[in-house]
């Protein structure tokens, strides 16, 4: 019989992550045919949209094409183009990391997240580094390494604090998303006060943002804070609160 969709996707991802040929330098004669970064950007967006819609059949088609292309783009180029290629590679690894964490393949999620951090650092974009750190925190959470997940998330939050008072929506979004991640990790550790503190700050950040957005694929905003409030209540075993909180959520506002 056919493999379940998520199993088939995981095996394709594993094959790409374990392919050592993707890690080596290109011979000079292979540099002529450059990956089109605009086309790659569109493909990365398609992969993320499929991930957010839990469309694993589509992801199974997209990721085995997009990930090798993004790896190739980084190895082909230098200077400004390479920073852009590394950003796309980091976004792709983030997509892989979340998909694997959400389907119970925490081993693959961790590998993808770890490589995503390296690509993000090469992009020299602190927001991309913070977004990749969030992926790593989710991978560690999926592995049951709660203390390390909290450390990663809080460290990323600290890097975003400079300039937060006049921050653009993208910075507010990744900051708020990391607060939500920290709240879930705290709840998983049984730290009720810490979880509520992170949620309160996330709600304040969402109010500043003023709407539900999807910068850096965070889907951050007031609606998602409500969803995470209910998630934290589930983690803490507050069944009565969950029903009340769930009724207050209108998912039609999500982008």
C-alpha atoms as a PDB file:
ATOM      1  CA  UNK A   1       0.000   0.000   0.000  1.00  0.00           C
ATOM      2  CA  UNK A   2       0.951   3.657  -0.262  1.00  0.00           C
ATOM      3  CA  UNK A   3       2.864   5.267   2.558  1.00  0.00           C
ATOM      4  CA  UNK A   4       0.873   7.741   4.634  1.00  0.00           C
ATOM      5  CA  UNK A   5       1.404  11.258   3.284  1.00  0.00           C
ATOM      6  CA  UNK A   6       3.480  12.480   6.203  1.00  0.00           C
ATOM      7  CA  UNK A   7       5.682   9.358   6.212  1.00  0.00           C
ATOM      8  CA  UNK A   8       6.376   9.719   2.502  1.00  0.00           C
ATOM      9  CA  UNK A   9       7.229  13.400   2.967  1.00  0.00           C
ATOM     10  CA  UNK A  10       9.548  12.635   5.896  1.00  0.00           C
ATOM     11  CA  UNK A  11      11.438  10.005   3.884  1.00  0.00           C
ATOM     12  CA  UNK A  12      11.926  12.435   0.974  1.00  0.00           C
ATOM     13  CA  UNK A  13      13.167  15.113   3.368  1.00  0.00           C
ATOM     14  CA  UNK A  14      15.504  12.650   5.096  1.00  0.00           C
ATOM     15  CA  UNK A  15      17.033  11.665   1.741  1.00  0.00           C
ATOM     16  CA  UNK A  16      17.777  15.314   0.906  1.00  0.00           C
ATOM     17  CA  UNK A  17      19.157  16.130   4.368  1.00  0.00           C
ATOM     18  CA  UNK A  18      21.437  13.065   4.245  1.00  0.00           C
ATOM     19  CA  UNK A  19      22.656  13.734   0.684  1.00  0.00           C
ATOM     20  CA  UNK A  20      26.234  14.828   1.275  1.00  0.00           C
ATOM     21  CA  UNK A  21      26.637  15.933  -2.347  1.00  0.00           C
ATOM     22  CA  UNK A  22      24.390  18.899  -1.476  1.00  0.00           C
ATOM     23  CA  UNK A  23      27.027  20.124   0.972  1.00  0.00           C
ATOM     24  CA  UNK A  24      30.091  20.187  -1.290  1.00  0.00           C
ATOM     25  CA  UNK A  25      31.411  23.060  -3.401  1.00  0.00           C
ATOM     26  CA  UNK A  26      30.457  23.275  -7.057  1.00  0.00           C
ATOM     27  CA  UNK A  27      32.981  22.676  -9.816  1.00  0.00           C
ATOM     28  CA  UNK A  28      33.589  25.868 -11.834  1.00  0.00           C
ATOM     29  CA  UNK A  29      31.804  24.566 -14.928  1.00  0.00           C
ATOM     30  CA  UNK A  30      28.514  24.207 -13.037  1.00  0.00           C
ATOM     31  CA  UNK A  31      28.254  27.893 -12.061  1.00  0.00           C
ATOM     32  CA  UNK A  32      26.919  29.130 -15.411  1.00  0.00           C
ATOM     33  CA  UNK A  33      23.279  28.102 -14.989  1.00  0.00           C
ATOM     34  CA  UNK A  34      22.232  30.232 -12.029  1.00  0.00           C
ATOM     35  CA  UNK A  35      19.099  29.469 -10.017  1.00  0.00           C
ATOM     36  CA  UNK A  36      16.535  32.227 -10.614  1.00  0.00           C
ATOM     37  CA  UNK A  37      16.072  33.728  -7.137  1.00  0.00           C
ATOM     38  CA  UNK A  38      12.698  35.318  -7.998  1.00  0.00           C
ATOM     39  CA  UNK A  39      11.355  31.953  -9.138  1.00  0.00           C
ATOM     40  CA  UNK A  40      12.858  30.285  -6.058  1.00  0.00           C
ATOM     41  CA  UNK A  41      11.211  32.922  -3.841  1.00  0.00           C
ATOM     42  CA  UNK A  42       7.802  32.067  -5.360  1.00  0.00           C
ATOM     43  CA  UNK A  43       8.422  28.353  -4.778  1.00  0.00           C
ATOM     44  CA  UNK A  44       9.421  28.965  -1.138  1.00  0.00           C
ATOM     45  CA  UNK A  45       6.184  30.935  -0.670  1.00  0.00           C
ATOM     46  CA  UNK A  46       4.174  28.064  -2.182  1.00  0.00           C
ATOM     47  CA  UNK A  47       5.863  25.583   0.171  1.00  0.00           C
ATOM     48  CA  UNK A  48       5.113  27.752   3.214  1.00  0.00           C
ATOM     49  CA  UNK A  49       1.491  28.222   2.165  1.00  0.00           C
ATOM     50  CA  UNK A  50       1.168  24.443   1.839  1.00  0.00           C
ATOM     51  CA  UNK A  51       2.788  23.975   5.273  1.00  0.00           C
ATOM     52  CA  UNK A  52       0.425  26.444   6.907  1.00  0.00           C
ATOM     53  CA  UNK A  53      -2.545  24.702   5.259  1.00  0.00           C
ATOM     54  CA  UNK A  54      -1.198  21.273   6.361  1.00  0.00           C
ATOM     55  CA  UNK A  55      -1.287  20.274   2.661  1.00  0.00           C
ATOM     56  CA  UNK A  56       1.272  17.484   3.032  1.00  0.00           C
ATOM     57  CA  UNK A  57       0.655  15.965  -0.393  1.00  0.00           C
ATOM     58  CA  UNK A  58       1.583  19.313  -1.971  1.00  0.00           C
ATOM     59  CA  UNK A  59       4.552  19.696   0.394  1.00  0.00           C
ATOM     60  CA  UNK A  60       5.743  16.250  -0.673  1.00  0.00           C
ATOM     61  CA  UNK A  61       5.974  17.567  -4.239  1.00  0.00           C
ATOM     62  CA  UNK A  62       7.350  21.033  -3.428  1.00  0.00           C
ATOM     63  CA  UNK A  63      10.006  20.470  -0.755  1.00  0.00           C
ATOM     64  CA  UNK A  64      12.109  17.870  -2.633  1.00  0.00           C
ATOM     65  CA  UNK A  65      12.379  20.422  -5.455  1.00  0.00           C
ATOM     66  CA  UNK A  66      12.715  23.654  -3.476  1.00  0.00           C
ATOM     67  CA  UNK A  67      15.268  22.530  -0.878  1.00  0.00           C
ATOM     68  CA  UNK A  68      17.933  21.303  -3.365  1.00  0.00           C
ATOM     69  CA  UNK A  69      17.385  24.439  -5.506  1.00  0.00           C
ATOM     70  CA  UNK A  70      17.879  26.682  -2.461  1.00  0.00           C
ATOM     71  CA  UNK A  71      21.017  24.739  -1.458  1.00  0.00           C
ATOM     72  CA  UNK A  72      22.340  25.083  -5.008  1.00  0.00           C
ATOM     73  CA  UNK A  73      21.600  28.822  -5.157  1.00  0.00           C
ATOM     74  CA  UNK A  74      23.728  29.428  -2.056  1.00  0.00           C
ATOM     75  CA  UNK A  75      26.687  27.458  -3.448  1.00  0.00           C
ATOM     76  CA  UNK A  76      26.605  29.214  -6.824  1.00  0.00           C
ATOM     77  CA  UNK A  77      26.964  32.824  -5.814  1.00  0.00           C
ATOM     78  CA  UNK A  78      28.632  35.447  -3.670  1.00  0.00           C
ATOM     79  CA  UNK A  79      28.037  38.918  -2.146  1.00  0.00           C
ATOM     80  CA  UNK A  80      24.501  40.395  -2.228  1.00  0.00           C
ATOM     81  CA  UNK A  81      22.986  37.555  -4.211  1.00  0.00           C
ATOM     82  CA  UNK A  82      24.372  35.035  -1.744  1.00  0.00           C
ATOM     83  CA  UNK A  83      22.776  36.844   1.196  1.00  0.00           C
ATOM     84  CA  UNK A  84      19.419  36.714  -0.602  1.00  0.00           C
ATOM     85  CA  UNK A  85      19.941  33.024  -1.450  1.00  0.00           C
ATOM     86  CA  UNK A  86      20.807  32.248   2.187  1.00  0.00           C
ATOM     87  CA  UNK A  87      17.631  34.003   3.304  1.00  0.00           C
ATOM     88  CA  UNK A  88      15.585  31.770   0.988  1.00  0.00           C
ATOM     89  CA  UNK A  89      17.481  28.678   2.156  1.00  0.00           C
ATOM     90  CA  UNK A  90      16.827  29.644   5.802  1.00  0.00           C
ATOM     91  CA  UNK A  91      13.095  30.117   5.043  1.00  0.00           C
ATOM     92  CA  UNK A  92      13.041  26.711   3.343  1.00  0.00           C
ATOM     93  CA  UNK A  93      14.715  25.013   6.309  1.00  0.00           C
ATOM     94  CA  UNK A  94      12.188  26.759   8.604  1.00  0.00           C
ATOM     95  CA  UNK A  95       9.364  25.298   6.521  1.00  0.00           C
ATOM     96  CA  UNK A  96      10.944  21.828   6.675  1.00  0.00           C
ATOM     97  CA  UNK A  97      11.580  22.159  10.416  1.00  0.00           C
ATOM     98  CA  UNK A  98       7.983  23.067  11.273  1.00  0.00           C
ATOM     99  CA  UNK A  99       6.565  20.408   8.935  1.00  0.00           C
ATOM    100  CA  UNK A 100       8.733  17.709  10.522  1.00  0.00           C
ATOM    101  CA  UNK A 101       8.063  18.874  14.117  1.00  0.00           C
ATOM    102  CA  UNK A 102       4.310  18.954  13.491  1.00  0.00           C
ATOM    103  CA  UNK A 103       4.294  15.425  12.027  1.00  0.00           C
ATOM    104  CA  UNK A 104       6.292  13.873  14.857  1.00  0.00           C
ATOM    105  CA  UNK A 105       9.677  13.706  13.093  1.00  0.00           C
ATOM    106  CA  UNK A 106      11.602  15.728  15.662  1.00  0.00           C
ATOM    107  CA  UNK A 107      14.958  14.240  14.576  1.00  0.00           C
ATOM    108  CA  UNK A 108      14.562  15.691  11.071  1.00  0.00           C
ATOM    109  CA  UNK A 109      13.089  18.911  12.477  1.00  0.00           C
ATOM    110  CA  UNK A 110      16.229  19.436  14.561  1.00  0.00           C
ATOM    111  CA  UNK A 111      18.600  18.845  11.611  1.00  0.00           C
ATOM    112  CA  UNK A 112      16.626  21.242   9.389  1.00  0.00           C
ATOM    113  CA  UNK A 113      16.425  23.886  12.140  1.00  0.00           C
ATOM    114  CA  UNK A 114      20.145  23.634  12.892  1.00  0.00           C
ATOM    115  CA  UNK A 115      21.064  24.107   9.224  1.00  0.00           C
ATOM    116  CA  UNK A 116      18.501  26.890   8.965  1.00  0.00           C
ATOM    117  CA  UNK A 117      20.289  28.850  11.704  1.00  0.00           C
ATOM    118  CA  UNK A 118      23.561  28.649   9.734  1.00  0.00           C
ATOM    119  CA  UNK A 119      21.874  29.853   6.533  1.00  0.00           C
ATOM    120  CA  UNK A 120      20.127  32.642   8.462  1.00  0.00           C
ATOM    121  CA  UNK A 121      23.432  33.834   9.916  1.00  0.00           C
ATOM    122  CA  UNK A 122      24.880  33.941   6.385  1.00  0.00           C
ATOM    123  CA  UNK A 123      21.893  36.068   5.280  1.00  0.00           C
ATOM    124  CA  UNK A 124      23.034  38.711   7.825  1.00  0.00           C
ATOM    125  CA  UNK A 125      19.377  39.486   8.614  1.00  0.00           C
ATOM    126  CA  UNK A 126      18.648  39.413  12.350  1.00  0.00           C
ATOM    127  CA  UNK A 127      14.921  38.864  11.793  1.00  0.00           C
ATOM    128  CA  UNK A 128      15.633  35.765   9.696  1.00  0.00           C
ATOM    129  CA  UNK A 129      18.028  34.535  12.426  1.00  0.00           C
ATOM    130  CA  UNK A 130      15.293  35.061  15.040  1.00  0.00           C
ATOM    131  CA  UNK A 131      12.726  33.241  12.867  1.00  0.00           C
ATOM    132  CA  UNK A 132      15.162  30.336  12.445  1.00  0.00           C
ATOM    133  CA  UNK A 133      15.726  30.288  16.208  1.00  0.00           C
ATOM    134  CA  UNK A 134      11.959  29.941  16.649  1.00  0.00           C
ATOM    135  CA  UNK A 135      12.038  26.871  14.374  1.00  0.00           C
ATOM    136  CA  UNK A 136      14.850  25.415  16.481  1.00  0.00           C
ATOM    137  CA  UNK A 137      12.858  26.045  19.686  1.00  0.00           C
ATOM    138  CA  UNK A 138       9.880  24.152  18.211  1.00  0.00           C
ATOM    139  CA  UNK A 139      12.140  21.268  17.161  1.00  0.00           C
ATOM    140  CA  UNK A 140      13.605  21.081  20.682  1.00  0.00           C
ATOM    141  CA  UNK A 141      10.091  21.232  22.147  1.00  0.00           C
ATOM    142  CA  UNK A 142       9.086  18.308  19.919  1.00  0.00           C
ATOM    143  CA  UNK A 143      12.124  16.408  21.221  1.00  0.00           C
ATOM    144  CA  UNK A 144      11.051  17.033  24.829  1.00  0.00           C
ATOM    145  CA  UNK A 145      14.070  19.273  25.505  1.00  0.00           C
ATOM    146  CA  UNK A 146      12.032  21.983  27.183  1.00  0.00           C
ATOM    147  CA  UNK A 147      14.815  23.819  29.046  1.00  0.00           C
ATOM    148  CA  UNK A 148      16.940  24.129  25.906  1.00  0.00           C
ATOM    149  CA  UNK A 149      13.887  25.249  23.873  1.00  0.00           C
ATOM    150  CA  UNK A 150      13.213  28.009  26.405  1.00  0.00           C
ATOM    151  CA  UNK A 151      16.860  29.107  26.334  1.00  0.00           C
ATOM    152  CA  UNK A 152      16.847  29.344  22.518  1.00  0.00           C
ATOM    153  CA  UNK A 153      13.564  31.303  22.421  1.00  0.00           C
ATOM    154  CA  UNK A 154      14.535  33.764  25.168  1.00  0.00           C
ATOM    155  CA  UNK A 155      17.973  34.370  23.598  1.00  0.00           C
ATOM    156  CA  UNK A 156      16.262  35.169  20.282  1.00  0.00           C
ATOM    157  CA  UNK A 157      13.849  37.534  22.057  1.00  0.00           C
ATOM    158  CA  UNK A 158      16.807  39.399  23.582  1.00  0.00           C
ATOM    159  CA  UNK A 159      18.352  39.997  20.135  1.00  0.00           C
ATOM    160  CA  UNK A 160      15.098  41.648  18.979  1.00  0.00           C
ATOM    161  CA  UNK A 161      14.680  44.024  21.927  1.00  0.00           C
ATOM    162  CA  UNK A 162      16.908  46.829  20.544  1.00  0.00           C
ATOM    163  CA  UNK A 163      14.701  49.168  18.493  1.00  0.00           C
ATOM    164  CA  UNK A 164      11.483  47.454  19.580  1.00  0.00           C
ATOM    165  CA  UNK A 165       9.901  50.779  20.586  1.00  0.00           C
ATOM    166  CA  UNK A 166       9.814  51.932  16.962  1.00  0.00           C
ATOM    167  CA  UNK A 167       9.834  48.494  15.316  1.00  0.00           C
ATOM    168  CA  UNK A 168       8.294  47.735  11.931  1.00  0.00           C
ATOM    169  CA  UNK A 169       5.561  45.028  11.695  1.00  0.00           C
ATOM    170  CA  UNK A 170       8.002  42.242  10.738  1.00  0.00           C
ATOM    171  CA  UNK A 171      10.064  42.740  13.913  1.00  0.00           C
ATOM    172  CA  UNK A 172       6.945  42.950  16.087  1.00  0.00           C
ATOM    173  CA  UNK A 173       5.595  39.789  14.429  1.00  0.00           C
ATOM    174  CA  UNK A 174       8.635  37.613  15.045  1.00  0.00           C
ATOM    175  CA  UNK A 175       9.004  39.046  18.575  1.00  0.00           C
ATOM    176  CA  UNK A 176       5.358  38.230  19.327  1.00  0.00           C
ATOM    177  CA  UNK A 177       5.635  34.762  17.780  1.00  0.00           C
ATOM    178  CA  UNK A 178       8.691  34.018  19.946  1.00  0.00           C
ATOM    179  CA  UNK A 179       6.733  35.154  23.040  1.00  0.00           C
ATOM    180  CA  UNK A 180       3.987  32.676  22.088  1.00  0.00           C
ATOM    181  CA  UNK A 181       6.547  29.903  21.623  1.00  0.00           C
ATOM    182  CA  UNK A 182       8.036  30.779  25.023  1.00  0.00           C
ATOM    183  CA  UNK A 183       4.561  30.647  26.594  1.00  0.00           C
ATOM    184  CA  UNK A 184       3.914  27.134  25.226  1.00  0.00           C
ATOM    185  CA  UNK A 185       7.364  25.933  26.364  1.00  0.00           C
ATOM    186  CA  UNK A 186       6.794  27.397  29.840  1.00  0.00           C
ATOM    187  CA  UNK A 187       3.401  25.670  30.033  1.00  0.00           C
ATOM    188  CA  UNK A 188       4.971  22.375  28.947  1.00  0.00           C
ATOM    189  CA  UNK A 189       7.433  22.818  31.822  1.00  0.00           C
ATOM    190  CA  UNK A 190       4.532  23.429  34.225  1.00  0.00           C
ATOM    191  CA  UNK A 191       5.489  27.089  34.731  1.00  0.00           C
ATOM    192  CA  UNK A 192       2.041  28.705  34.904  1.00  0.00           C
ATOM    193  CA  UNK A 193       3.265  32.161  35.961  1.00  0.00           C
ATOM    194  CA  UNK A 194       5.915  32.251  33.222  1.00  0.00           C
ATOM    195  CA  UNK A 195       3.464  31.114  30.557  1.00  0.00           C
ATOM    196  CA  UNK A 196       0.949  33.806  31.527  1.00  0.00           C
ATOM    197  CA  UNK A 197       3.670  36.469  31.592  1.00  0.00           C
ATOM    198  CA  UNK A 198       4.773  35.584  28.044  1.00  0.00           C
ATOM    199  CA  UNK A 199       1.130  35.549  26.862  1.00  0.00           C
ATOM    200  CA  UNK A 200       0.435  38.964  28.388  1.00  0.00           C
ATOM    201  CA  UNK A 201       3.451  40.439  26.603  1.00  0.00           C
ATOM    202  CA  UNK A 202       2.410  38.711  23.364  1.00  0.00           C
ATOM    203  CA  UNK A 203      -1.073  40.270  23.667  1.00  0.00           C
ATOM    204  CA  UNK A 204       0.479  43.727  24.170  1.00  0.00           C
ATOM    205  CA  UNK A 205       2.685  43.207  21.099  1.00  0.00           C
ATOM    206  CA  UNK A 206      -0.348  42.068  19.058  1.00  0.00           C
ATOM    207  CA  UNK A 207      -2.233  45.210  20.128  1.00  0.00           C
ATOM    208  CA  UNK A 208       0.659  47.325  18.874  1.00  0.00           C
ATOM    209  CA  UNK A 209       0.604  45.425  15.585  1.00  0.00           C
ATOM    210  CA  UNK A 210      -3.157  45.977  15.419  1.00  0.00           C
ATOM    211  CA  UNK A 211      -4.025  43.190  12.969  1.00  0.00           C
ATOM    212  CA  UNK A 212      -3.403  39.563  12.065  1.00  0.00           C
ATOM    213  CA  UNK A 213      -0.428  39.396   9.709  1.00  0.00           C
ATOM    214  CA  UNK A 214       1.883  36.698   8.351  1.00  0.00           C
ATOM    215  CA  UNK A 215       5.312  38.359   8.358  1.00  0.00           C
ATOM    216  CA  UNK A 216       8.121  35.786   8.307  1.00  0.00           C
ATOM    217  CA  UNK A 217       5.378  33.118   8.233  1.00  0.00           C
ATOM    218  CA  UNK A 218       4.450  33.791  11.875  1.00  0.00           C
ATOM    219  CA  UNK A 219       0.664  34.294  11.417  1.00  0.00           C
ATOM    220  CA  UNK A 220       1.072  36.618  14.404  1.00  0.00           C
ATOM    221  CA  UNK A 221      -1.644  38.963  15.626  1.00  0.00           C
ATOM    222  CA  UNK A 222      -4.525  39.207  18.141  1.00  0.00           C
ATOM    223  CA  UNK A 223      -6.275  36.057  16.828  1.00  0.00           C
ATOM    224  CA  UNK A 224      -3.164  33.890  17.131  1.00  0.00           C
ATOM    225  CA  UNK A 225      -2.553  35.146  20.669  1.00  0.00           C
ATOM    226  CA  UNK A 226      -6.065  33.892  21.487  1.00  0.00           C
ATOM    227  CA  UNK A 227      -5.246  30.505  19.954  1.00  0.00           C
ATOM    228  CA  UNK A 228      -2.041  30.284  21.996  1.00  0.00           C
ATOM    229  CA  UNK A 229      -3.908  31.289  25.162  1.00  0.00           C
ATOM    230  CA  UNK A 230      -6.161  28.260  24.630  1.00  0.00           C
ATOM    231  CA  UNK A 231      -3.136  26.057  23.793  1.00  0.00           C
ATOM    232  CA  UNK A 232      -1.423  27.075  27.033  1.00  0.00           C
ATOM    233  CA  UNK A 233      -4.612  26.300  28.985  1.00  0.00           C
ATOM    234  CA  UNK A 234      -4.647  22.811  27.432  1.00  0.00           C
ATOM    235  CA  UNK A 235      -0.988  22.296  28.401  1.00  0.00           C
ATOM    236  CA  UNK A 236      -1.716  23.435  31.976  1.00  0.00           C
ATOM    237  CA  UNK A 237      -4.835  21.254  32.220  1.00  0.00           C
ATOM    238  CA  UNK A 238      -7.292  24.158  32.599  1.00  0.00           C
ATOM    239  CA  UNK A 239     -10.138  22.467  30.704  1.00  0.00           C
ATOM    240  CA  UNK A 240     -12.819  24.977  31.744  1.00  0.00           C
ATOM    241  CA  UNK A 241     -10.796  27.924  30.480  1.00  0.00           C
ATOM    242  CA  UNK A 242     -10.141  26.261  27.111  1.00  0.00           C
ATOM    243  CA  UNK A 243     -13.832  26.204  26.150  1.00  0.00           C
ATOM    244  CA  UNK A 244     -14.311  29.838  27.134  1.00  0.00           C
ATOM    245  CA  UNK A 245     -11.135  30.932  25.288  1.00  0.00           C
ATOM    246  CA  UNK A 246     -11.926  28.882  22.188  1.00  0.00           C
ATOM    247  CA  UNK A 247     -15.365  30.528  21.877  1.00  0.00           C
ATOM    248  CA  UNK A 248     -13.650  33.941  21.749  1.00  0.00           C
ATOM    249  CA  UNK A 249     -11.509  33.002  18.731  1.00  0.00           C
ATOM    250  CA  UNK A 250     -12.617  33.942  15.212  1.00  0.00           C
ATOM    251  CA  UNK A 251     -10.227  32.107  12.872  1.00  0.00           C
ATOM    252  CA  UNK A 252     -11.661  33.907   9.813  1.00  0.00           C
ATOM    253  CA  UNK A 253      -9.407  36.843  10.749  1.00  0.00           C
ATOM    254  CA  UNK A 254      -6.255  34.791  10.128  1.00  0.00           C
ATOM    255  CA  UNK A 255      -4.448  35.689   6.883  1.00  0.00           C
END
